[in-house]
N, C-alpha and C. Protein backbone atom coordinates (compact mmCIF):
# COMPACT_ATOMS: atom_id res chain seq x y z
N MET A 1 0.85 -1.18 0.00
CA MET A 1 0.00 0.00 0.00
C MET A 1 0.89 1.23 0.00
N SER A 2 0.53 2.18 -0.81
CA SER A 2 1.33 3.39 -0.87
C SER A 2 1.10 4.24 0.38
N GLY A 3 2.05 5.10 0.69
CA GLY A 3 1.94 5.98 1.84
C GLY A 3 0.73 6.89 1.74
N GLU A 4 0.44 7.32 0.51
CA GLU A 4 -0.71 8.21 0.31
C GLU A 4 -2.02 7.48 0.62
N THR A 5 -2.14 6.24 0.18
CA THR A 5 -3.34 5.46 0.45
C THR A 5 -3.49 5.20 1.94
N LYS A 6 -2.39 4.86 2.60
CA LYS A 6 -2.42 4.61 4.04
C LYS A 6 -2.86 5.86 4.78
N THR A 7 -2.33 7.00 4.40
CA THR A 7 -2.71 8.26 5.03
C THR A 7 -4.18 8.56 4.79
N SER A 8 -4.67 8.25 3.60
CA SER A 8 -6.08 8.47 3.27
C SER A 8 -6.98 7.61 4.14
N VAL A 9 -6.62 6.35 4.32
CA VAL A 9 -7.39 5.44 5.17
C VAL A 9 -7.41 5.97 6.59
N GLU A 10 -6.26 6.37 7.10
CA GLU A 10 -6.18 6.89 8.46
C GLU A 10 -7.01 8.16 8.62
N SER A 11 -6.90 9.07 7.68
CA SER A 11 -7.65 10.32 7.75
C SER A 11 -9.16 10.07 7.70
N THR A 12 -9.58 9.19 6.82
CA THR A 12 -11.01 8.89 6.70
C THR A 12 -11.52 8.23 7.97
N ALA A 13 -10.78 7.27 8.49
CA ALA A 13 -11.20 6.57 9.71
C ALA A 13 -11.34 7.54 10.88
N LEU A 14 -10.40 8.47 11.00
CA LEU A 14 -10.47 9.44 12.08
C LEU A 14 -11.61 10.43 11.88
N ALA A 15 -11.82 10.85 10.66
CA ALA A 15 -12.93 11.76 10.37
C ALA A 15 -14.27 11.11 10.70
N LEU A 16 -14.40 9.82 10.38
CA LEU A 16 -15.64 9.10 10.69
C LEU A 16 -15.83 8.95 12.19
N LEU A 17 -14.75 8.68 12.90
CA LEU A 17 -14.83 8.57 14.36
C LEU A 17 -15.27 9.90 14.96
N ALA A 18 -14.69 10.97 14.49
CA ALA A 18 -15.06 12.30 14.98
C ALA A 18 -16.54 12.58 14.70
N GLU A 19 -17.00 12.17 13.53
CA GLU A 19 -18.42 12.36 13.18
C GLU A 19 -19.33 11.59 14.13
N VAL A 20 -18.99 10.35 14.42
CA VAL A 20 -19.80 9.52 15.32
C VAL A 20 -19.81 10.10 16.73
N LEU A 21 -18.67 10.63 17.16
CA LEU A 21 -18.55 11.16 18.52
C LEU A 21 -18.98 12.63 18.63
N TYR A 22 -19.29 13.25 17.49
CA TYR A 22 -19.67 14.67 17.46
C TYR A 22 -18.60 15.57 18.06
N VAL A 23 -17.36 15.32 17.66
CA VAL A 23 -16.23 16.14 18.08
C VAL A 23 -15.35 16.45 16.87
N GLU A 24 -14.46 17.39 17.02
CA GLU A 24 -13.49 17.68 15.97
C GLU A 24 -12.38 16.62 16.03
N VAL A 25 -11.82 16.31 14.88
CA VAL A 25 -10.74 15.33 14.82
C VAL A 25 -9.62 15.71 15.78
N SER A 26 -9.33 16.98 15.88
CA SER A 26 -8.24 17.45 16.75
C SER A 26 -8.50 17.16 18.23
N LYS A 27 -9.73 16.88 18.59
CA LYS A 27 -10.09 16.60 19.98
C LYS A 27 -9.92 15.12 20.34
N ILE A 28 -9.62 14.28 19.34
CA ILE A 28 -9.48 12.85 19.59
C ILE A 28 -8.05 12.53 20.00
N ASP A 29 -7.88 12.03 21.22
CA ASP A 29 -6.58 11.58 21.70
C ASP A 29 -6.42 10.14 21.21
N MET A 30 -5.48 9.94 20.30
CA MET A 30 -5.31 8.64 19.65
C MET A 30 -4.96 7.51 20.61
N SER A 31 -4.44 7.83 21.78
CA SER A 31 -4.04 6.79 22.72
C SER A 31 -5.08 6.52 23.80
N THR A 32 -6.21 7.22 23.73
CA THR A 32 -7.29 7.03 24.70
C THR A 32 -8.20 5.91 24.22
N SER A 33 -8.66 5.08 25.13
CA SER A 33 -9.52 3.96 24.74
C SER A 33 -10.83 4.47 24.14
N PHE A 34 -11.39 3.64 23.28
CA PHE A 34 -12.67 4.00 22.67
C PHE A 34 -13.73 4.25 23.74
N THR A 35 -13.72 3.45 24.77
CA THR A 35 -14.70 3.60 25.84
C THR A 35 -14.55 4.95 26.53
N GLU A 36 -13.32 5.32 26.83
CA GLU A 36 -13.07 6.62 27.47
C GLU A 36 -13.43 7.79 26.56
N LEU A 37 -13.35 7.58 25.25
CA LEU A 37 -13.74 8.62 24.31
C LEU A 37 -15.26 8.78 24.20
N GLY A 38 -15.98 7.79 24.73
CA GLY A 38 -17.44 7.86 24.69
C GLY A 38 -18.07 6.98 23.62
N LEU A 39 -17.29 6.09 23.02
CA LEU A 39 -17.81 5.21 21.99
C LEU A 39 -18.45 3.99 22.65
N ASP A 40 -19.77 4.07 22.85
CA ASP A 40 -20.47 2.93 23.43
C ASP A 40 -20.79 1.91 22.33
N SER A 41 -21.47 0.83 22.68
CA SER A 41 -21.71 -0.25 21.72
C SER A 41 -22.57 0.19 20.54
N ILE A 42 -23.53 1.05 20.78
CA ILE A 42 -24.40 1.52 19.69
C ILE A 42 -23.60 2.38 18.72
N LEU A 43 -22.80 3.28 19.25
CA LEU A 43 -21.96 4.12 18.39
C LEU A 43 -20.90 3.29 17.68
N ALA A 44 -20.40 2.25 18.34
CA ALA A 44 -19.41 1.37 17.72
C ALA A 44 -19.99 0.66 16.50
N VAL A 45 -21.23 0.21 16.61
CA VAL A 45 -21.90 -0.44 15.47
C VAL A 45 -22.02 0.56 14.32
N GLU A 46 -22.42 1.78 14.63
CA GLU A 46 -22.54 2.82 13.62
C GLU A 46 -21.18 3.10 12.97
N TYR A 47 -20.14 3.19 13.79
CA TYR A 47 -18.81 3.49 13.29
C TYR A 47 -18.29 2.40 12.35
N VAL A 48 -18.40 1.13 12.72
CA VAL A 48 -17.90 0.08 11.83
C VAL A 48 -18.72 0.00 10.55
N ALA A 49 -20.01 0.33 10.61
CA ALA A 49 -20.82 0.38 9.39
C ALA A 49 -20.33 1.49 8.47
N MET A 50 -19.97 2.62 9.05
CA MET A 50 -19.45 3.73 8.27
C MET A 50 -18.09 3.38 7.66
N ILE A 51 -17.26 2.67 8.41
CA ILE A 51 -15.96 2.22 7.91
C ILE A 51 -16.17 1.33 6.68
N LYS A 52 -17.11 0.41 6.79
CA LYS A 52 -17.39 -0.49 5.66
C LYS A 52 -17.89 0.29 4.46
N SER A 53 -18.78 1.21 4.69
CA SER A 53 -19.36 2.00 3.60
C SER A 53 -18.32 2.89 2.92
N GLU A 54 -17.52 3.57 3.71
CA GLU A 54 -16.57 4.55 3.16
C GLU A 54 -15.26 3.93 2.67
N LEU A 55 -14.79 2.91 3.37
CA LEU A 55 -13.48 2.34 3.04
C LEU A 55 -13.56 0.96 2.40
N GLY A 56 -14.74 0.34 2.46
CA GLY A 56 -14.89 -0.99 1.90
C GLY A 56 -14.20 -2.07 2.72
N VAL A 57 -13.96 -1.78 3.98
CA VAL A 57 -13.29 -2.74 4.87
C VAL A 57 -14.32 -3.26 5.86
N ALA A 58 -14.54 -4.56 5.82
CA ALA A 58 -15.53 -5.17 6.71
C ALA A 58 -14.89 -5.48 8.06
N GLU A 59 -15.10 -4.61 9.01
CA GLU A 59 -14.60 -4.80 10.37
C GLU A 59 -15.76 -5.13 11.29
N THR A 60 -15.43 -5.59 12.47
CA THR A 60 -16.46 -5.92 13.46
C THR A 60 -16.27 -5.03 14.69
N VAL A 61 -17.32 -4.93 15.47
CA VAL A 61 -17.21 -4.19 16.73
C VAL A 61 -16.19 -4.88 17.63
N GLU A 62 -16.15 -6.20 17.58
CA GLU A 62 -15.18 -6.94 18.39
C GLU A 62 -13.75 -6.54 18.03
N SER A 63 -13.48 -6.41 16.73
CA SER A 63 -12.16 -6.01 16.28
C SER A 63 -11.83 -4.60 16.76
N LEU A 64 -12.80 -3.72 16.70
CA LEU A 64 -12.63 -2.36 17.17
C LEU A 64 -12.18 -2.35 18.63
N TYR A 65 -12.92 -3.06 19.47
CA TYR A 65 -12.59 -3.07 20.90
C TYR A 65 -11.33 -3.88 21.21
N GLU A 66 -11.02 -4.89 20.38
CA GLU A 66 -9.77 -5.64 20.57
C GLU A 66 -8.56 -4.74 20.37
N HIS A 67 -8.66 -3.81 19.44
CA HIS A 67 -7.55 -2.90 19.19
C HIS A 67 -7.49 -1.80 20.25
N GLY A 68 -8.62 -1.50 20.86
CA GLY A 68 -8.65 -0.67 22.06
C GLY A 68 -8.60 0.84 21.91
N THR A 69 -7.74 1.33 21.02
CA THR A 69 -7.58 2.77 20.87
C THR A 69 -7.70 3.15 19.39
N PRO A 70 -8.02 4.39 19.11
CA PRO A 70 -8.04 4.82 17.72
C PRO A 70 -6.70 4.59 17.02
N GLU A 71 -5.60 4.83 17.72
CA GLU A 71 -4.28 4.65 17.13
C GLU A 71 -4.08 3.22 16.62
N ALA A 72 -4.37 2.24 17.46
CA ALA A 72 -4.19 0.84 17.09
C ALA A 72 -5.18 0.41 16.01
N PHE A 73 -6.42 0.86 16.12
CA PHE A 73 -7.44 0.46 15.14
C PHE A 73 -7.15 1.06 13.77
N VAL A 74 -6.75 2.30 13.73
CA VAL A 74 -6.45 2.97 12.47
C VAL A 74 -5.25 2.30 11.79
N LYS A 75 -4.24 1.94 12.57
CA LYS A 75 -3.08 1.22 12.01
C LYS A 75 -3.53 -0.11 11.42
N HIS A 76 -4.41 -0.80 12.14
CA HIS A 76 -4.96 -2.07 11.66
C HIS A 76 -5.71 -1.87 10.34
N LEU A 77 -6.55 -0.85 10.29
CA LEU A 77 -7.31 -0.56 9.07
C LEU A 77 -6.36 -0.28 7.90
N ALA A 78 -5.38 0.56 8.14
CA ALA A 78 -4.45 0.94 7.08
C ALA A 78 -3.68 -0.26 6.56
N ALA A 79 -3.36 -1.18 7.45
CA ALA A 79 -2.61 -2.38 7.04
C ALA A 79 -3.48 -3.37 6.27
N ASN A 80 -4.80 -3.30 6.49
CA ASN A 80 -5.69 -4.28 5.87
C ASN A 80 -6.60 -3.72 4.79
N ALA A 81 -6.45 -2.45 4.49
CA ALA A 81 -7.31 -1.83 3.47
C ALA A 81 -6.79 -2.11 2.08
């Protein structure tokens, strides 16, 4: 994957997370857990659906929480997109 594509995946994933959480991307601490950021199970379902729709990557809520933080999940997405 090219660096540009990886950056695009990361940017899109973060923008979608910010949209779900109703915050600006700059307000997301990449090392804070999804739970601490306020991503409950309902929002997590919405977020992974948006990831699938926008990036074409079929992820699960379980995978989201297994990665724990936006930083880890975004790296995972970029590696698998």
